[in-house]
Amino acid sequence: MNPALILNDWRLTLIANGIVVYEEPAAALESNGNLLFGADAFAKARVHPRQSNLEYLGKLSADPLAQPFTSARNHADLLYLHFKVLADTQPVLSDPLLAVVPSPVSNEQLSLLLGVAKEAGVTIGGFTDLASACVAAQPGDTPLQFLELNMSSAYIVRVELKPDTSAGPATEFMDTSISRIIDGWTNVIADQFVASSRFDPLHAAHTEQQLYNLVAGWFGSATPSSYLTIEHGGETRRQEVSIDALRSRLNRSIESIVAALNPDLPVRLGPNAASVPLLRALLESRFSVQRSDADRLRAWLAHHAEPLLSTDDVRYHRALKPAAMAKAQPQPEATSAPHAAPAAPSPGQPTHGLHATTAYRIGSAALPAEAVGDAASGTTVNVDGRLFTLIQVLD
């Protein structure tokens, strides 16, 4: 099975055989002449803002950087260097891959992606649209509106099934993004710190970074934590978090998106949008909201990438064959069982809970049996703010 690479700046995700083998932010940091990429760079970007770049994938171009790196003069250079790291560390990239791109991607950016990857030793054999892939993996009533948030922007695209899944032109929103949501929430929490103790975590770079990382860590949970702690000057600063204040700030952050959505069509949240705490609940007050299933997307990519690939004639596929309209999706081979799609033709009792890309056995410390009860496979349970999708793993 050929690998698939989901290209977005919040989570650059490499999938092989239905399993996530790499998933980190498209973030770069230059430190002492060396370049760091991914989570390590993201976790230090607020401490070293002039040596960091979080935009080279979302705003890919050959235009000169406002703050050039020693080894990179533009966004394309940084992506090339990130691809080089992946090519050197991920053996699956010896095979041609399917690149899954955001709907607003331009022809110029597709051309840059193809050339940059080739120079880095990564072969892109085809492109496809994330919205089309998500709906093909999880067919439902169409037309629908696909909403996705990335680090630097958000977009809405109409998707139809006729009979293939096809995404139309995208409407992009530069005033709404994951970065803006995190910034808004860090400001709200900083105000709460100041009001309760006069301590301002945004006053120093190292405490600002702590706060930023804590807020970013909420993504993937249904709700933010009700309190957080920051280390400063040898002391631990603890602050209760007003969820109502965060909800209000998020509501303001997505005003332009809400105004653009059609109330008569269902809204399908993309993988990133589905990970934003509180977002689904806010939208459900006005729209019929669906959530893209990451397991089904991985399974669909594992089984459908190869026919879309051609190294001689690389194409951008927007119309995709949907998965069979059955009650369940086939699981990948047994070697991929811990990360397989939870749906099976006749699922038995769940044995594990899938959180992010790790499967935890029911009864373990992370997933106590009492937290699961009699829930069936495919059910999502919340354990101390962490979401687990129950699956059956066959030995």
Protein backbone atom coordinates (compact mmCIF):
# COMPACT_ATOMS: atom_id res chain seq x y z
CA MET A 1 0.00 0.00 0.00
CA ASN A 2 1.36 3.41 -0.96
CA PRO A 3 1.69 6.06 1.75
CA ALA A 4 -0.41 9.22 1.98
CA LEU A 5 0.76 12.60 3.27
CA ILE A 6 -1.85 15.03 4.58
CA LEU A 7 -0.38 18.47 4.01
CA ASN A 8 -1.50 21.14 6.45
CA ASP A 9 0.40 23.43 8.76
CA TRP A 10 -1.27 22.36 12.01
CA ARG A 11 -0.59 18.66 11.53
CA LEU A 12 1.66 17.33 8.77
CA THR A 13 0.56 13.68 8.80
CA LEU A 14 2.18 10.70 7.10
CA ILE A 15 0.04 7.55 6.85
CA ALA A 16 1.27 4.10 5.85
CA ASN A 17 -0.94 1.01 5.77
CA GLY A 18 -3.65 2.92 7.58
CA ILE A 19 -1.34 3.85 10.47
CA VAL A 20 -0.02 7.30 11.34
CA VAL A 21 3.77 7.04 11.28
CA TYR A 22 4.46 10.78 11.56
CA GLU A 23 2.25 13.63 12.75
CA GLU A 24 3.75 16.94 13.80
CA PRO A 25 3.22 20.64 13.09
CA ALA A 26 4.82 22.22 10.04
CA ALA A 27 7.04 24.37 12.23
CA ALA A 28 10.71 25.33 11.85
CA LEU A 29 13.18 26.79 14.35
CA GLU A 30 16.78 27.80 13.69
CA SER A 31 18.94 27.43 16.77
CA ASN A 32 22.74 27.78 16.84
CA GLY A 33 22.92 27.18 13.11
CA ASN A 34 20.78 24.03 13.30
CA LEU A 35 17.21 23.60 12.08
CA LEU A 36 14.53 21.90 14.15
CA PHE A 37 11.21 20.85 12.66
CA GLY A 38 7.88 19.70 14.03
CA ALA A 39 6.81 19.57 17.66
CA ASP A 40 10.21 20.60 19.03
CA ALA A 41 10.19 23.77 16.92
CA PHE A 42 6.55 24.54 17.71
CA ALA A 43 7.16 24.19 21.47
CA LYS A 44 9.85 26.90 21.40
CA ALA A 45 8.44 29.33 18.82
CA ARG A 46 7.26 31.89 21.38
CA VAL A 47 10.63 31.96 23.11
CA HIS A 48 12.47 32.46 19.79
CA PRO A 49 9.98 34.25 17.51
CA ARG A 50 12.62 35.70 15.15
CA GLN A 51 14.17 32.27 14.57
CA SER A 52 10.83 30.50 14.02
CA ASN A 53 8.46 30.02 11.11
CA LEU A 54 5.00 28.42 11.33
CA GLU A 55 3.75 29.52 7.92
CA TYR A 56 5.95 27.83 5.31
CA LEU A 57 3.38 25.16 4.43
CA GLY A 58 0.15 27.09 4.88
CA LYS A 59 1.50 30.07 2.92
CA LEU A 60 3.84 28.17 0.61
CA SER A 61 5.54 30.38 -1.98
CA ALA A 62 8.95 31.23 -3.41
CA ASP A 63 8.75 34.82 -2.15
CA PRO A 64 11.66 35.88 0.12
CA LEU A 65 11.12 35.49 3.86
CA ALA A 66 10.75 38.68 5.89
CA GLN A 67 13.19 37.10 8.36
CA PRO A 68 15.42 34.75 6.33
CA PHE A 69 17.06 31.72 7.92
CA THR A 70 20.74 30.97 7.39
CA SER A 71 19.83 27.91 5.34
CA ALA A 72 16.48 29.04 3.90
CA ARG A 73 15.51 32.15 1.96
CA ASN A 74 11.82 31.39 1.36
CA HIS A 75 8.95 29.15 2.44
CA ALA A 76 9.75 26.62 -0.30
CA ASP A 77 13.28 26.22 1.10
CA LEU A 78 11.91 25.43 4.56
CA LEU A 79 9.46 22.87 3.21
CA TYR A 80 12.25 21.28 1.17
CA LEU A 81 14.39 20.92 4.31
CA HIS A 82 11.44 19.47 6.26
CA PHE A 83 10.82 16.98 3.45
CA LYS A 84 14.51 16.06 3.56
CA VAL A 85 14.17 15.17 7.25
CA LEU A 86 11.13 13.02 6.48
CA ALA A 87 12.87 11.31 3.55
CA ASP A 88 15.84 10.47 5.78
CA THR A 89 13.77 9.15 8.70
CA GLN A 90 10.66 7.55 7.14
CA PRO A 91 11.43 4.44 5.06
CA VAL A 92 7.87 4.37 3.61
CA LEU A 93 8.76 7.45 1.55
CA SER A 94 10.78 5.27 -0.79
CA ASP A 95 7.42 4.61 -2.50
CA PRO A 96 5.35 7.23 -4.39
CA LEU A 97 2.80 8.90 -2.13
CA LEU A 98 -0.62 10.49 -2.42
CA ALA A 99 -0.53 14.12 -1.24
CA VAL A 100 -3.79 15.23 0.43
CA VAL A 101 -4.02 19.02 0.22
CA PRO A 102 -6.34 21.75 1.57
CA SER A 103 -9.11 22.84 -0.79
CA PRO A 104 -7.80 26.43 -1.28
CA VAL A 105 -4.41 25.23 -2.63
CA SER A 106 -3.43 27.01 -5.84
CA ASN A 107 -1.93 25.55 -9.02
CA GLU A 108 1.30 27.43 -8.25
CA GLN A 109 1.46 25.81 -4.81
CA LEU A 110 0.80 22.35 -6.27
CA SER A 111 3.67 22.91 -8.69
CA LEU A 112 5.94 24.03 -5.86
CA LEU A 113 4.96 21.02 -3.74
CA LEU A 114 5.77 18.65 -6.59
CA GLY A 115 9.14 20.23 -7.30
CA VAL A 116 10.20 20.67 -3.67
CA ALA A 117 9.31 17.07 -2.83
CA LYS A 118 11.21 15.75 -5.84
CA GLU A 119 14.35 17.69 -4.91
CA ALA A 120 14.10 16.29 -1.37
CA GLY A 121 13.86 12.71 -2.62
CA VAL A 122 10.11 12.33 -2.02
CA THR A 123 7.98 11.23 -4.97
CA ILE A 124 4.45 12.64 -5.15
CA GLY A 125 2.41 10.42 -7.47
CA GLY A 126 -0.86 12.29 -7.18
CA PHE A 127 -2.81 14.96 -5.33
CA THR A 128 -6.28 14.87 -3.86
CA ASP A 129 -8.49 17.23 -1.93
CA LEU A 130 -8.94 16.73 1.83
CA ALA A 131 -12.66 17.57 1.75
CA SER A 132 -13.33 15.06 -1.02
CA ALA A 133 -11.27 12.39 0.75
CA CYS A 134 -13.04 12.87 4.09
CA VAL A 135 -16.48 12.57 2.50
CA ALA A 136 -15.42 9.65 0.28
CA ALA A 137 -14.19 7.84 3.40
CA GLN A 138 -17.40 8.60 5.28
CA PRO A 139 -20.25 9.09 2.80
CA GLY A 140 -23.47 10.68 3.98
CA ASP A 141 -26.15 13.06 2.89
CA THR A 142 -24.88 15.51 0.30
CA PRO A 143 -24.51 18.25 -0.58
CA LEU A 144 -22.78 19.32 2.60
CA GLN A 145 -20.42 22.06 3.77
CA PHE A 146 -16.92 20.97 4.73
CA LEU A 147 -15.27 23.22 7.31
CA GLU A 148 -11.58 22.99 8.12
CA LEU A 149 -9.21 25.10 10.21
CA ASN A 150 -5.46 25.21 9.70
CA MET A 151 -2.75 27.09 11.55
CA SER A 152 -2.98 30.20 9.39
CA SER A 153 -6.50 30.15 7.92
CA ALA A 154 -9.87 28.42 7.69
CA TYR A 155 -11.99 27.43 4.72
CA ILE A 156 -15.44 26.21 3.70
CA VAL A 157 -16.09 24.10 0.62
CA ARG A 158 -19.29 22.55 -0.72
CA VAL A 159 -19.03 18.79 -1.35
CA GLU A 160 -21.43 16.68 -3.40
CA LEU A 161 -21.80 13.00 -4.22
CA LYS A 162 -22.81 12.54 -7.87
CA PRO A 163 -21.95 9.61 -7.93
CA ASP A 164 -18.34 10.42 -7.06
CA THR A 165 -17.40 12.66 -4.17
CA SER A 166 -16.46 16.09 -5.51
CA ALA A 167 -15.47 19.33 -3.77
CA GLY A 168 -16.23 22.69 -5.32
CA PRO A 169 -14.35 25.99 -5.01
CA ALA A 170 -13.27 26.90 -1.48
CA THR A 171 -13.94 30.10 0.44
CA GLU A 172 -10.93 30.94 2.62
CA PHE A 173 -11.01 32.99 5.84
CA MET A 174 -7.75 34.62 6.91
CA ASP A 175 -9.32 36.13 10.04
CA THR A 176 -10.05 32.69 11.52
CA SER A 177 -7.40 30.05 12.23
CA ILE A 178 -6.08 27.73 14.88
CA SER A 179 -3.32 30.24 15.63
CA ARG A 180 -5.87 33.01 16.24
CA ILE A 181 -7.97 30.76 18.46
CA ILE A 182 -4.95 29.84 20.59
CA ASP A 183 -3.87 33.49 20.78
CA GLY A 184 -7.36 34.54 21.83
CA TRP A 185 -7.54 31.93 24.56
CA THR A 186 -4.06 32.71 25.91
CA ASN A 187 -5.10 36.37 26.21
CA VAL A 188 -8.29 35.40 28.08
CA ILE A 189 -6.35 33.21 30.52
CA ALA A 190 -3.65 35.83 30.98
CA ASP A 191 -6.36 38.32 31.97
CA GLN A 192 -7.69 35.80 34.49
CA PHE A 193 -4.20 35.37 35.96
CA VAL A 194 -3.78 39.14 36.29
CA ALA A 195 -7.22 39.58 37.84
CA SER A 196 -6.64 36.90 40.48
CA SER A 197 -2.94 37.33 41.32
CA ARG A 198 -1.49 40.21 39.25
CA PHE A 199 0.79 37.65 37.60
CA ASP A 200 0.91 38.13 33.82
CA PRO A 201 2.16 35.01 32.00
CA LEU A 202 2.56 37.03 28.79
CA HIS A 203 5.13 39.30 30.43
CA ALA A 204 8.00 36.84 29.90
CA ALA A 205 8.73 34.65 26.88
CA HIS A 206 9.20 31.41 28.84
CA THR A 207 5.87 31.71 30.67
CA GLU A 208 4.11 32.82 27.49
CA GLN A 209 5.46 29.67 25.82
CA GLN A 210 4.20 27.51 28.67
CA LEU A 211 0.73 28.98 28.40
CA TYR A 212 0.68 28.67 24.61
CA ASN A 213 1.76 25.02 24.77
CA LEU A 214 -0.86 24.21 27.42
CA VAL A 215 -3.65 25.74 25.35
CA ALA A 216 -2.45 24.00 22.18
CA GLY A 217 -2.49 20.75 24.15
CA TRP A 218 -6.25 21.06 24.63
CA PHE A 219 -6.87 20.39 20.95
CA GLY A 220 -8.32 16.93 20.53
CA SER A 221 -10.33 17.15 23.74
CA ALA A 222 -14.03 17.97 23.95
CA THR A 223 -13.49 20.76 26.47
CA PRO A 224 -10.48 22.70 27.80
CA SER A 225 -9.08 21.95 31.24
CA SER A 226 -10.79 23.72 34.13
CA TYR A 227 -7.43 24.87 35.53
CA LEU A 228 -3.77 25.04 34.56
CA THR A 229 -0.41 25.65 36.18
CA ILE A 230 2.65 27.64 35.09
CA GLU A 231 6.14 27.48 36.57
CA HIS A 232 7.77 30.85 37.20
CA GLY A 233 10.59 31.97 39.47
CA GLY A 234 10.65 28.67 41.31
CA GLU A 235 6.92 28.90 42.04
CA THR A 236 3.92 27.10 40.61
CA ARG A 237 1.16 29.45 39.53
CA ARG A 238 -2.27 27.78 39.44
CA GLN A 239 -5.27 29.37 37.74
CA GLU A 240 -8.86 28.25 37.36
CA VAL A 241 -10.05 28.68 33.79
CA SER A 242 -13.44 30.15 32.95
CA ILE A 243 -14.84 27.88 30.25
CA ASP A 244 -17.61 30.41 29.63
CA ALA A 245 -15.00 33.09 28.86
CA LEU A 246 -13.21 30.73 26.44
CA ARG A 247 -16.51 29.87 24.78
CA SER A 248 -17.34 33.55 24.36
CA ARG A 249 -13.93 34.27 22.83
CA LEU A 250 -14.22 31.32 20.44
CA ASN A 251 -17.66 32.51 19.42
CA ARG A 252 -16.15 35.85 18.39
CA SER A 253 -13.28 34.12 16.60
CA ILE A 254 -15.60 32.18 14.28
CA GLU A 255 -18.11 34.96 13.53
CA SER A 256 -17.13 35.24 9.87
CA ILE A 257 -17.39 31.47 9.38
CA VAL A 258 -20.81 31.25 11.03
CA ALA A 259 -22.06 34.10 8.85
CA ALA A 260 -20.89 32.27 5.71
CA LEU A 261 -22.34 28.84 6.52
CA ASN A 262 -25.66 27.83 4.95
CA PRO A 263 -28.10 26.81 7.72
CA ASP A 264 -29.95 24.52 5.28
CA LEU A 265 -26.94 22.24 4.68
CA PRO A 266 -25.14 19.95 7.15
CA VAL A 267 -21.64 20.98 8.24
CA ARG A 268 -18.89 18.34 8.14
CA LEU A 269 -15.94 19.24 10.35
CA GLY A 270 -12.50 18.39 8.99
CA PRO A 271 -9.93 16.63 11.21
CA ASN A 272 -8.45 19.88 12.53
CA ALA A 273 -11.80 21.60 13.04
CA ALA A 274 -13.11 18.55 14.88
CA SER A 275 -10.16 18.80 17.29
CA VAL A 276 -10.97 22.37 18.42
CA PRO A 277 -12.51 22.21 21.91
CA LEU A 278 -16.02 23.71 22.20
CA LEU A 279 -16.31 24.33 18.44
CA ARG A 280 -18.75 21.55 17.62
CA ALA A 281 -21.03 22.45 20.52
CA LEU A 282 -21.12 26.10 19.40
CA LEU A 283 -21.98 25.20 15.83
CA GLU A 284 -24.62 22.65 16.84
CA SER A 285 -26.77 25.42 18.26
CA ARG A 286 -27.38 26.62 14.69
CA PHE A 287 -26.40 23.85 12.27
CA SER A 288 -26.55 20.12 11.73
CA VAL A 289 -22.94 19.16 12.46
CA GLN A 290 -21.03 16.02 11.49
CA ARG A 291 -17.51 15.04 12.50
CA SER A 292 -14.97 13.50 10.12
CA ASP A 293 -13.79 10.14 11.40
CA ALA A 294 -9.98 10.06 11.30
CA ASP A 295 -9.92 6.25 11.43
CA ARG A 296 -12.14 5.96 8.36
CA LEU A 297 -10.04 8.52 6.51
CA ARG A 298 -6.85 6.56 7.23
CA ALA A 299 -8.49 3.30 6.14
CA TRP A 300 -9.82 4.86 2.94
CA LEU A 301 -6.42 6.32 2.06
CA ALA A 302 -4.75 2.97 2.71
CA HIS A 303 -7.03 1.21 0.24
CA HIS A 304 -7.57 3.92 -2.38
CA ALA A 305 -4.26 5.77 -2.72
CA GLU A 306 -2.59 3.45 -5.23
CA PRO A 307 -5.11 3.86 -8.12
CA LEU A 308 -4.68 7.65 -7.89
CA LEU A 309 -0.92 7.53 -8.42
CA SER A 310 1.13 7.96 -11.57
CA THR A 311 4.69 9.24 -11.55
CA ASP A 312 4.54 9.91 -15.31
CA ASP A 313 1.36 12.00 -15.25
CA VAL A 314 0.77 13.43 -11.78
CA ARG A 315 -2.84 14.56 -11.44
CA TYR A 316 -4.98 16.43 -8.93
CA HIS A 317 -8.00 14.24 -8.16
CA ARG A 318 -11.03 16.11 -6.80
CA ALA A 319 -13.67 13.51 -7.73
CA LEU A 320 -13.20 10.34 -5.67
CA LYS A 321 -14.95 7.00 -5.40
CA PRO A 322 -16.80 6.84 -2.08
CA ALA A 323 -16.44 3.95 0.32
CA ALA A 324 -19.12 1.27 0.09
CA MET A 325 -22.35 2.53 1.62
CA ALA A 326 -22.36 -0.21 4.23
CA LYS A 327 -22.84 -0.10 7.94
CA ALA A 328 -19.19 -0.77 8.58
CA GLN A 329 -15.75 -0.24 7.10
CA PRO A 330 -13.29 -3.15 6.64
CA GLN A 331 -10.39 -3.18 9.04
CA PRO A 332 -6.78 -3.03 7.79
CA GLU A 333 -4.61 -6.11 8.04
CA ALA A 334 -3.88 -7.59 11.44
CA THR A 335 -0.48 -5.85 11.60
CA SER A 336 -2.33 -2.53 11.70
CA ALA A 337 -4.98 -3.65 14.20
CA PRO A 338 -4.17 -1.20 17.04
CA HIS A 339 -4.93 1.66 14.65
CA ALA A 340 -7.66 0.04 12.56
CA ALA A 341 -10.97 1.71 11.86
CA PRO A 342 -13.32 0.75 14.69
CA ALA A 343 -16.15 -0.34 12.44
CA ALA A 344 -16.24 -4.03 11.51
CA PRO A 345 -18.94 -6.10 9.81
CA SER A 346 -20.06 -7.68 13.09
CA PRO A 347 -18.10 -5.98 15.87
CA GLY A 348 -17.71 -7.75 19.15
CA GLN A 349 -17.03 -6.17 22.47
CA PRO A 350 -14.36 -3.45 22.31
CA THR A 351 -10.93 -4.38 23.61
CA HIS A 352 -9.09 -1.05 23.27
CA GLY A 353 -9.66 2.68 23.16
CA LEU A 354 -7.96 4.71 20.44
CA HIS A 355 -6.65 8.13 21.53
CA ALA A 356 -4.80 10.09 18.84
CA THR A 357 -2.66 7.34 17.27
CA THR A 358 -2.29 5.04 20.29
CA ALA A 359 -4.57 2.17 21.30
CA TYR A 360 -4.95 1.61 25.07
CA ARG A 361 -6.26 -1.71 26.38
CA ILE A 362 -9.52 -1.44 28.32
CA GLY A 363 -8.67 -1.99 31.96
CA SER A 364 -5.35 -0.18 31.75
CA ALA A 365 -4.54 2.82 33.93
CA ALA A 366 -5.28 5.16 31.03
CA LEU A 367 -8.64 3.55 30.23
CA PRO A 368 -10.29 1.97 33.31
CA ALA A 369 -12.97 -0.64 32.59
CA GLU A 370 -15.54 1.28 34.64
CA ALA A 371 -15.14 4.25 32.30
CA VAL A 372 -16.21 2.07 29.37
CA GLY A 373 -19.01 0.04 30.93
CA ASP A 374 -21.15 -1.69 28.29
CA ALA A 375 -20.34 0.77 25.48
CA ALA A 376 -20.09 -0.80 22.04
CA SER A 377 -17.28 -0.56 19.49
CA GLY A 378 -17.32 2.80 17.72
CA THR A 379 -18.45 4.68 20.84
CA THR A 380 -16.36 7.62 22.06
CA VAL A 381 -15.79 7.95 25.81
CA ASN A 382 -14.24 10.81 27.76
CA VAL A 383 -11.73 9.89 30.47
CA ASP A 384 -10.29 12.86 32.35
CA GLY A 385 -10.64 15.08 29.29
CA ARG A 386 -9.12 12.57 26.85
CA LEU A 387 -11.34 11.12 24.11
CA PHE A 388 -11.07 7.39 23.35
CA THR A 389 -12.79 5.72 20.39
CA LEU A 390 -13.59 2.13 21.37
CA ILE A 391 -12.33 -0.51 18.95
CA GLN A 392 -11.97 -4.26 18.82
CA VAL A 393 -8.43 -5.54 18.29
CA LEU A 394 -8.26 -9.13 17.15
CA ASP A 395 -5.24 -11.13 18.29
